[in-house]
Amino acid sequence: MTWGLSAPRRRVDDGMSALSEQQRAVLRFVARGLADHEIARLLSLSVQEVSAEVGEILRRLDLRDRMHAVVFAHETGVIRLPLPR
């Protein structure tokens, strides 16, 4: 697995089909830099539920940590941020 700006763009379905809709929503918020308590408030979940979902996302996508989840989300096009000029 390659990580970084020079890596070829991954397809969105690379692992995303393994995630539930709720997990996809959590991943989008994680990729935007939100903390578990902020995600919990937005999705009307407990902080413990969000933490468990993040752990399950990492396990299902075979990612080491939240930072790798952010990179994954950007590389697969789950989230796209504008590039600075």
PDB file of N, CA and C in Angstrom:
ATOM      1  N   MET A   1       0.848  -1.175   0.000  1.00  0.00           N
ATOM      2  CA  MET A   1       0.000   0.000   0.000  1.00  0.00           C
ATOM      3  C   MET A   1       0.891   1.234   0.000  1.00  0.00           C
ATOM      4  N   THR A   2       0.569   2.216  -0.843  1.00  0.00           N
ATOM      5  CA  THR A   2       1.363   3.428  -0.964  1.00  0.00           C
ATOM      6  C   THR A   2       0.577   4.593  -0.397  1.00  0.00           C
ATOM      7  N   TRP A   3       1.247   5.423   0.372  1.00  0.00           N
ATOM      8  CA  TRP A   3       0.612   6.612   0.926  1.00  0.00           C
ATOM      9  C   TRP A   3       1.423   7.821   0.511  1.00  0.00           C
ATOM     10  N   GLY A   4       0.757   8.902   0.194  1.00  0.00           N
ATOM     11  CA  GLY A   4       1.467  10.127  -0.118  1.00  0.00           C
ATOM     12  C   GLY A   4       0.898  10.808  -1.345  1.00  0.00           C
ATOM     13  N   LEU A   5       1.401  11.998  -1.598  1.00  0.00           N
ATOM     14  CA  LEU A   5       0.883  12.792  -2.692  1.00  0.00           C
ATOM     15  C   LEU A   5       1.207  12.193  -4.053  1.00  0.00           C
ATOM     16  N   SER A   6       2.294  11.430  -4.134  1.00  0.00           N
ATOM     17  CA  SER A   6       2.684  10.868  -5.418  1.00  0.00           C
ATOM     18  C   SER A   6       2.004   9.532  -5.703  1.00  0.00           C
ATOM     19  N   ALA A   7       1.241   9.036  -4.773  1.00  0.00           N
ATOM     20  CA  ALA A   7       0.574   7.745  -4.958  1.00  0.00           C
ATOM     21  C   ALA A   7      -0.514   7.874  -6.013  1.00  0.00           C
ATOM     22  N   PRO A   8      -0.718   6.831  -6.799  1.00  0.00           N
ATOM     23  CA  PRO A   8      -1.813   6.881  -7.779  1.00  0.00           C
ATOM     24  C   PRO A   8      -3.151   6.978  -7.055  1.00  0.00           C
ATOM     25  N   ARG A   9      -4.090   7.677  -7.653  1.00  0.00           N
ATOM     26  CA  ARG A   9      -5.406   7.852  -7.033  1.00  0.00           C
ATOM     27  C   ARG A   9      -6.101   6.506  -6.911  1.00  0.00           C
ATOM     28  N   ARG A  10      -6.600   6.239  -5.713  1.00  0.00           N
ATOM     29  CA  ARG A  10      -7.303   4.979  -5.454  1.00  0.00           C
ATOM     30  C   ARG A  10      -8.765   5.139  -5.816  1.00  0.00           C
ATOM     31  N   ARG A  11      -9.405   4.038  -6.143  1.00  0.00           N
ATOM     32  CA  ARG A  11     -10.831   4.063  -6.431  1.00  0.00           C
ATOM     33  C   ARG A  11     -11.613   4.201  -5.128  1.00  0.00           C
ATOM     34  N   VAL A  12     -12.746   4.896  -5.186  1.00  0.00           N
ATOM     35  CA  VAL A  12     -13.575   5.120  -3.997  1.00  0.00           C
ATOM     36  C   VAL A  12     -14.039   3.810  -3.394  1.00  0.00           C
ATOM     37  N   ASP A  13     -14.276   2.791  -4.215  1.00  0.00           N
ATOM     38  CA  ASP A  13     -14.784   1.542  -3.674  1.00  0.00           C
ATOM     39  C   ASP A  13     -13.696   0.670  -3.055  1.00  0.00           C
ATOM     40  N   ASP A  14     -12.445   1.131  -3.028  1.00  0.00           N
ATOM     41  CA  ASP A  14     -11.365   0.393  -2.378  1.00  0.00           C
ATOM     42  C   ASP A  14     -11.629   0.332  -0.874  1.00  0.00           C
ATOM     43  N   GLY A  15     -12.388  -0.651  -0.456  1.00  0.00           N
ATOM     44  CA  GLY A  15     -12.675  -0.826   0.960  1.00  0.00           C
ATOM     45  C   GLY A  15     -13.936  -0.143   1.437  1.00  0.00           C
ATOM     46  N   MET A  16     -14.429   0.830   0.701  1.00  0.00           N
ATOM     47  CA  MET A  16     -15.601   1.572   1.162  1.00  0.00           C
ATOM     48  C   MET A  16     -16.846   0.699   1.229  1.00  0.00           C
ATOM     49  N   SER A  17     -16.922  -0.317   0.395  1.00  0.00           N
ATOM     50  CA  SER A  17     -18.095  -1.193   0.428  1.00  0.00           C
ATOM     51  C   SER A  17     -18.160  -1.986   1.726  1.00  0.00           C
ATOM     52  N   ALA A  18     -17.038  -2.073   2.432  1.00  0.00           N
ATOM     53  CA  ALA A  18     -17.001  -2.781   3.711  1.00  0.00           C
ATOM     54  C   ALA A  18     -17.561  -1.938   4.852  1.00  0.00           C
ATOM     55  N   LEU A  19     -17.804  -0.653   4.592  1.00  0.00           N
ATOM     56  CA  LEU A  19     -18.271   0.259   5.642  1.00  0.00           C
ATOM     57  C   LEU A  19     -19.769   0.486   5.555  1.00  0.00           C
ATOM     58  N   SER A  20     -20.392   0.635   6.721  1.00  0.00           N
ATOM     59  CA  SER A  20     -21.810   0.996   6.767  1.00  0.00           C
ATOM     60  C   SER A  20     -21.955   2.485   6.434  1.00  0.00           C
ATOM     61  N   GLU A  21     -23.165   2.918   6.181  1.00  0.00           N
ATOM     62  CA  GLU A  21     -23.419   4.341   5.905  1.00  0.00           C
ATOM     63  C   GLU A  21     -22.948   5.211   7.072  1.00  0.00           C
ATOM     64  N   GLN A  22     -23.216   4.760   8.288  1.00  0.00           N
ATOM     65  CA  GLN A  22     -22.791   5.521   9.463  1.00  0.00           C
ATOM     66  C   GLN A  22     -21.266   5.611   9.527  1.00  0.00           C
ATOM     67  N   GLN A  23     -20.588   4.518   9.229  1.00  0.00           N
ATOM     68  CA  GLN A  23     -19.131   4.528   9.242  1.00  0.00           C
ATOM     69  C   GLN A  23     -18.576   5.444   8.155  1.00  0.00           C
ATOM     70  N   ARG A  24     -19.231   5.477   7.007  1.00  0.00           N
ATOM     71  CA  ARG A  24     -18.802   6.395   5.947  1.00  0.00           C
ATOM     72  C   ARG A  24     -18.946   7.841   6.400  1.00  0.00           C
ATOM     73  N   ALA A  25     -20.043   8.147   7.092  1.00  0.00           N
ATOM     74  CA  ALA A  25     -20.248   9.498   7.609  1.00  0.00           C
ATOM     75  C   ALA A  25     -19.171   9.838   8.630  1.00  0.00           C
ATOM     76  N   VAL A  26     -18.883   8.901   9.517  1.00  0.00           N
ATOM     77  CA  VAL A  26     -17.836   9.124  10.522  1.00  0.00           C
ATOM     78  C   VAL A  26     -16.498   9.358   9.825  1.00  0.00           C
ATOM     79  N   LEU A  27     -16.183   8.566   8.810  1.00  0.00           N
ATOM     80  CA  LEU A  27     -14.926   8.728   8.082  1.00  0.00           C
ATOM     81  C   LEU A  27     -14.838  10.108   7.443  1.00  0.00           C
ATOM     82  N   ARG A  28     -15.928  10.585   6.859  1.00  0.00           N
ATOM     83  CA  ARG A  28     -15.913  11.926   6.257  1.00  0.00           C
ATOM     84  C   ARG A  28     -15.609  12.991   7.304  1.00  0.00           C
ATOM     85  N   PHE A  29     -16.192  12.860   8.486  1.00  0.00           N
ATOM     86  CA  PHE A  29     -15.935  13.839   9.549  1.00  0.00           C
ATOM     87  C   PHE A  29     -14.512  13.717  10.090  1.00  0.00           C
ATOM     88  N   VAL A  30     -14.027  12.501  10.225  1.00  0.00           N
ATOM     89  CA  VAL A  30     -12.639  12.295  10.662  1.00  0.00           C
ATOM     90  C   VAL A  30     -11.696  12.950   9.662  1.00  0.00           C
ATOM     91  N   ALA A  31     -11.977  12.767   8.378  1.00  0.00           N
ATOM     92  CA  ALA A  31     -11.129  13.330   7.328  1.00  0.00           C
ATOM     93  C   ALA A  31     -11.142  14.849   7.336  1.00  0.00           C
ATOM     94  N   ARG A  32     -12.198  15.425   7.863  1.00  0.00           N
ATOM     95  CA  ARG A  32     -12.273  16.890   7.972  1.00  0.00           C
ATOM     96  C   ARG A  32     -11.636  17.403   9.262  1.00  0.00           C
ATOM     97  N   GLY A  33     -11.133  16.470  10.072  1.00  0.00           N
ATOM     98  CA  GLY A  33     -10.401  16.876  11.273  1.00  0.00           C
ATOM     99  C   GLY A  33     -11.238  17.024  12.520  1.00  0.00           C
ATOM    100  N   LEU A  34     -12.458  16.522  12.518  1.00  0.00           N
ATOM    101  CA  LEU A  34     -13.299  16.651  13.696  1.00  0.00           C
ATOM    102  C   LEU A  34     -12.914  15.627  14.755  1.00  0.00           C
ATOM    103  N   ALA A  35     -13.057  16.022  16.000  1.00  0.00           N
ATOM    104  CA  ALA A  35     -12.804  15.138  17.141  1.00  0.00           C
ATOM    105  C   ALA A  35     -14.041  14.273  17.381  1.00  0.00           C
ATOM    106  N   ASP A  36     -13.847  13.193  18.120  1.00  0.00           N
ATOM    107  CA  ASP A  36     -14.953  12.265  18.387  1.00  0.00           C
ATOM    108  C   ASP A  36     -16.161  12.968  19.002  1.00  0.00           C
ATOM    109  N   HIS A  37     -15.938  13.889  19.953  1.00  0.00           N
ATOM    110  CA  HIS A  37     -17.076  14.551  20.595  1.00  0.00           C
ATOM    111  C   HIS A  37     -17.828  15.447  19.611  1.00  0.00           C
ATOM    112  N   GLU A  38     -17.135  16.021  18.633  1.00  0.00           N
ATOM    113  CA  GLU A  38     -17.804  16.841  17.627  1.00  0.00           C
ATOM    114  C   GLU A  38     -18.617  15.959  16.671  1.00  0.00           C
ATOM    115  N   ILE A  39     -18.043  14.840  16.268  1.00  0.00           N
ATOM    116  CA  ILE A  39     -18.745  13.896  15.398  1.00  0.00           C
ATOM    117  C   ILE A  39     -19.978  13.351  16.110  1.00  0.00           C
ATOM    118  N   ALA A  40     -19.825  13.033  17.387  1.00  0.00           N
ATOM    119  CA  ALA A  40     -20.943  12.504  18.178  1.00  0.00           C
ATOM    120  C   ALA A  40     -22.103  13.491  18.195  1.00  0.00           C
ATOM    121  N   ARG A  41     -21.802  14.757  18.394  1.00  0.00           N
ATOM    122  CA  ARG A  41     -22.845  15.778  18.429  1.00  0.00           C
ATOM    123  C   ARG A  41     -23.543  15.883  17.073  1.00  0.00           C
ATOM    124  N   LEU A  42     -22.781  15.881  15.991  1.00  0.00           N
ATOM    125  CA  LEU A  42     -23.357  16.032  14.657  1.00  0.00           C
ATOM    126  C   LEU A  42     -24.193  14.827  14.223  1.00  0.00           C
ATOM    127  N   LEU A  43     -23.793  13.625  14.645  1.00  0.00           N
ATOM    128  CA  LEU A  43     -24.505  12.411  14.239  1.00  0.00           C
ATOM    129  C   LEU A  43     -25.451  11.883  15.313  1.00  0.00           C
ATOM    130  N   SER A  44     -25.599  12.619  16.407  1.00  0.00           N
ATOM    131  CA  SER A  44     -26.466  12.212  17.522  1.00  0.00           C
ATOM    132  C   SER A  44     -26.092  10.829  18.041  1.00  0.00           C
ATOM    133  N   LEU A  45     -24.787  10.639  18.267  1.00  0.00           N
ATOM    134  CA  LEU A  45     -24.254   9.404  18.834  1.00  0.00           C
ATOM    135  C   LEU A  45     -23.522   9.741  20.112  1.00  0.00           C
ATOM    136  N   SER A  46     -23.195   8.725  20.891  1.00  0.00           N
ATOM    137  CA  SER A  46     -22.348   8.956  22.060  1.00  0.00           C
ATOM    138  C   SER A  46     -20.892   8.980  21.599  1.00  0.00           C
ATOM    139  N   VAL A  47     -20.052   9.571  22.402  1.00  0.00           N
ATOM    140  CA  VAL A  47     -18.620   9.614  22.094  1.00  0.00           C
ATOM    141  C   VAL A  47     -18.073   8.190  22.017  1.00  0.00           C
ATOM    142  N   GLN A  48     -18.577   7.313  22.872  1.00  0.00           N
ATOM    143  CA  GLN A  48     -18.130   5.917  22.863  1.00  0.00           C
ATOM    144  C   GLN A  48     -18.514   5.224  21.551  1.00  0.00           C
ATOM    145  N   GLU A  49     -19.708   5.525  21.045  1.00  0.00           N
ATOM    146  CA  GLU A  49     -20.131   4.931  19.767  1.00  0.00           C
ATOM    147  C   GLU A  49     -19.239   5.408  18.628  1.00  0.00           C
ATOM    148  N   VAL A  50     -18.924   6.691  18.632  1.00  0.00           N
ATOM    149  CA  VAL A  50     -18.046   7.228  17.584  1.00  0.00           C
ATOM    150  C   VAL A  50     -16.671   6.596  17.678  1.00  0.00           C
ATOM    151  N   SER A  51     -16.148   6.491  18.883  1.00  0.00           N
ATOM    152  CA  SER A  51     -14.835   5.872  19.082  1.00  0.00           C
ATOM    153  C   SER A  51     -14.827   4.431  18.584  1.00  0.00           C
ATOM    154  N   ALA A  52     -15.895   3.707  18.867  1.00  0.00           N
ATOM    155  CA  ALA A  52     -16.000   2.319  18.405  1.00  0.00           C
ATOM    156  C   ALA A  52     -16.086   2.268  16.880  1.00  0.00           C
ATOM    157  N   GLU A  53     -16.825   3.189  16.275  1.00  0.00           N
ATOM    158  CA  GLU A  53     -16.936   3.232  14.818  1.00  0.00           C
ATOM    159  C   GLU A  53     -15.585   3.544  14.175  1.00  0.00           C
ATOM    160  N   VAL A  54     -14.845   4.476  14.753  1.00  0.00           N
ATOM    161  CA  VAL A  54     -13.515   4.803  14.227  1.00  0.00           C
ATOM    162  C   VAL A  54     -12.620   3.564  14.290  1.00  0.00           C
ATOM    163  N   GLY A  55     -12.650   2.875  15.393  1.00  0.00           N
ATOM    164  CA  GLY A  55     -11.860   1.648  15.526  1.00  0.00           C
ATOM    165  C   GLY A  55     -12.244   0.605  14.501  1.00  0.00           C
ATOM    166  N   GLU A  56     -13.535   0.471  14.260  1.00  0.00           N
ATOM    167  CA  GLU A  56     -14.014  -0.504  13.270  1.00  0.00           C
ATOM    168  C   GLU A  56     -13.623  -0.082  11.854  1.00  0.00           C
ATOM    169  N   ILE A  57     -13.684   1.205  11.568  1.00  0.00           N
ATOM    170  CA  ILE A  57     -13.253   1.717  10.259  1.00  0.00           C
ATOM    171  C   ILE A  57     -11.781   1.381  10.032  1.00  0.00           C
ATOM    172  N   LEU A  58     -10.957   1.651  11.028  1.00  0.00           N
ATOM    173  CA  LEU A  58      -9.526   1.360  10.915  1.00  0.00           C
ATOM    174  C   LEU A  58      -9.293  -0.130  10.693  1.00  0.00           C
ATOM    175  N   ARG A  59     -10.045  -0.958  11.404  1.00  0.00           N
ATOM    176  CA  ARG A  59      -9.884  -2.408  11.269  1.00  0.00           C
ATOM    177  C   ARG A  59     -10.322  -2.879   9.883  1.00  0.00           C
ATOM    178  N   ARG A  60     -11.496  -2.444   9.452  1.00  0.00           N
ATOM    179  CA  ARG A  60     -12.025  -2.910   8.166  1.00  0.00           C
ATOM    180  C   ARG A  60     -11.189  -2.445   6.980  1.00  0.00           C
ATOM    181  N   LEU A  61     -10.611  -1.249   7.079  1.00  0.00           N
ATOM    182  CA  LEU A  61      -9.808  -0.720   5.977  1.00  0.00           C
ATOM    183  C   LEU A  61      -8.320  -1.030   6.143  1.00  0.00           C
ATOM    184  N   ASP A  62      -7.984  -1.728   7.225  1.00  0.00           N
ATOM    185  CA  ASP A  62      -6.599  -2.101   7.507  1.00  0.00           C
ATOM    186  C   ASP A  62      -5.699  -0.868   7.553  1.00  0.00           C
ATOM    187  N   LEU A  63      -6.127   0.108   8.364  1.00  0.00           N
ATOM    188  CA  LEU A  63      -5.382   1.350   8.544  1.00  0.00           C
ATOM    189  C   LEU A  63      -4.834   1.404   9.960  1.00  0.00           C
ATOM    190  N   ARG A  64      -3.677   2.031  10.130  1.00  0.00           N
ATOM    191  CA  ARG A  64      -3.024   2.067  11.446  1.00  0.00           C
ATOM    192  C   ARG A  64      -3.646   3.047  12.422  1.00  0.00           C
ATOM    193  N   ASP A  65      -4.025   4.229  11.928  1.00  0.00           N
ATOM    194  CA  ASP A  65      -4.505   5.265  12.834  1.00  0.00           C
ATOM    195  C   ASP A  65      -5.371   6.264  12.074  1.00  0.00           C
ATOM    196  N   ARG A  66      -5.843   7.290  12.801  1.00  0.00           N
ATOM    197  CA  ARG A  66      -6.727   8.289  12.203  1.00  0.00           C
ATOM    198  C   ARG A  66      -6.060   9.016  11.048  1.00  0.00           C
ATOM    199  N   MET A  67      -4.770   9.275  11.170  1.00  0.00           N
ATOM    200  CA  MET A  67      -4.065   9.986  10.111  1.00  0.00           C
ATOM    201  C   MET A  67      -4.110   9.179   8.809  1.00  0.00           C
ATOM    202  N   HIS A  68      -3.928   7.879   8.922  1.00  0.00           N
ATOM    203  CA  HIS A  68      -4.023   7.044   7.728  1.00  0.00           C
ATOM    204  C   HIS A  68      -5.451   7.040   7.175  1.00  0.00           C
ATOM    205  N   ALA A  69      -6.432   7.158   8.049  1.00  0.00           N
ATOM    206  CA  ALA A  69      -7.820   7.237   7.594  1.00  0.00           C
ATOM    207  C   ALA A  69      -8.047   8.538   6.819  1.00  0.00           C
ATOM    208  N   VAL A  70      -7.437   9.631   7.276  1.00  0.00           N
ATOM    209  CA  VAL A  70      -7.544  10.915   6.579  1.00  0.00           C
ATOM    210  C   VAL A  70      -6.913  10.805   5.191  1.00  0.00           C
ATOM    211  N   VAL A  71      -5.723  10.232   5.124  1.00  0.00           N
ATOM    212  CA  VAL A  71      -5.042  10.065   3.836  1.00  0.00           C
ATOM    213  C   VAL A  71      -5.883   9.182   2.919  1.00  0.00           C
ATOM    214  N   PHE A  72      -6.398   8.084   3.449  1.00  0.00           N
ATOM    215  CA  PHE A  72      -7.254   7.184   2.677  1.00  0.00           C
ATOM    216  C   PHE A  72      -8.442   7.954   2.098  1.00  0.00           C
ATOM    217  N   ALA A  73      -9.102   8.745   2.923  1.00  0.00           N
ATOM    218  CA  ALA A  73     -10.283   9.493   2.484  1.00  0.00           C
ATOM    219  C   ALA A  73      -9.936  10.457   1.363  1.00  0.00           C
ATOM    220  N   HIS A  74      -8.790  11.104   1.459  1.00  0.00           N
ATOM    221  CA  HIS A  74      -8.387  12.039   0.414  1.00  0.00           C
ATOM    222  C   HIS A  74      -7.981  11.300  -0.863  1.00  0.00           C
ATOM    223  N   GLU A  75      -7.255  10.219  -0.720  1.00  0.00           N
ATOM    224  CA  GLU A  75      -6.782   9.475  -1.894  1.00  0.00           C
ATOM    225  C   GLU A  75      -7.910   8.778  -2.642  1.00  0.00           C
ATOM    226  N   THR A  76      -8.958   8.407  -1.958  1.00  0.00           N
ATOM    227  CA  THR A  76     -10.075   7.727  -2.613  1.00  0.00           C
ATOM    228  C   THR A  76     -11.162   8.694  -3.065  1.00  0.00           C
ATOM    229  N   GLY A  77     -11.017   9.963  -2.742  1.00  0.00           N
ATOM    230  CA  GLY A  77     -12.007  10.946  -3.151  1.00  0.00           C
ATOM    231  C   GLY A  77     -13.225  11.007  -2.264  1.00  0.00           C
ATOM    232  N   VAL A  78     -13.156  10.368  -1.100  1.00  0.00           N
ATOM    233  CA  VAL A  78     -14.262  10.439  -0.141  1.00  0.00           C
ATOM    234  C   VAL A  78     -14.485  11.886   0.255  1.00  0.00           C
ATOM    235  N   ILE A  79     -13.407  12.617   0.363  1.00  0.00           N
ATOM    236  CA  ILE A  79     -13.463  14.043   0.689  1.00  0.00           C
ATOM    237  C   ILE A  79     -12.437  14.744  -0.185  1.00  0.00           C
ATOM    238  N   ARG A  80     -12.799  15.917  -0.628  1.00  0.00           N
ATOM    239  CA  ARG A  80     -11.877  16.720  -1.447  1.00  0.00           C
ATOM    240  C   ARG A  80     -11.854  18.128  -0.889  1.00  0.00           C
ATOM    241  N   LEU A  81     -10.679  18.560  -0.560  1.00  0.00           N
ATOM    242  CA  LEU A  81     -10.499  19.931  -0.080  1.00  0.00           C
ATOM    243  C   LEU A  81      -9.852  20.749  -1.176  1.00  0.00           C
ATOM    244  N   PRO A  82     -10.169  22.027  -1.249  1.00  0.00           N
ATOM    245  CA  PRO A  82      -9.520  22.851  -2.275  1.00  0.00           C
ATOM    246  C   PRO A  82      -8.019  22.982  -1.959  1.00  0.00           C
ATOM    247  N   LEU A  83      -7.230  22.968  -3.008  1.00  0.00           N
ATOM    248  CA  LEU A  83      -5.791  23.159  -2.831  1.00  0.00           C
ATOM    249  C   LEU A  83      -5.506  24.631  -2.621  1.00  0.00           C
ATOM    250  N   PRO A  84      -4.545  24.966  -1.745  1.00  0.00           N
ATOM    251  CA  PRO A  84      -4.200  26.377  -1.545  1.00  0.00           C
ATOM    252  C   PRO A  84      -3.564  26.948  -2.803  1.00  0.00           C
ATOM    253  N   ARG A  85      -3.777  28.203  -3.028  1.00  0.00           N
ATOM    254  CA  ARG A  85      -3.208  28.869  -4.223  1.00  0.00           C
ATOM    255  C   ARG A  85      -1.877  29.466  -3.916  1.00  0.00           C
TER     256      ARG A  85
END
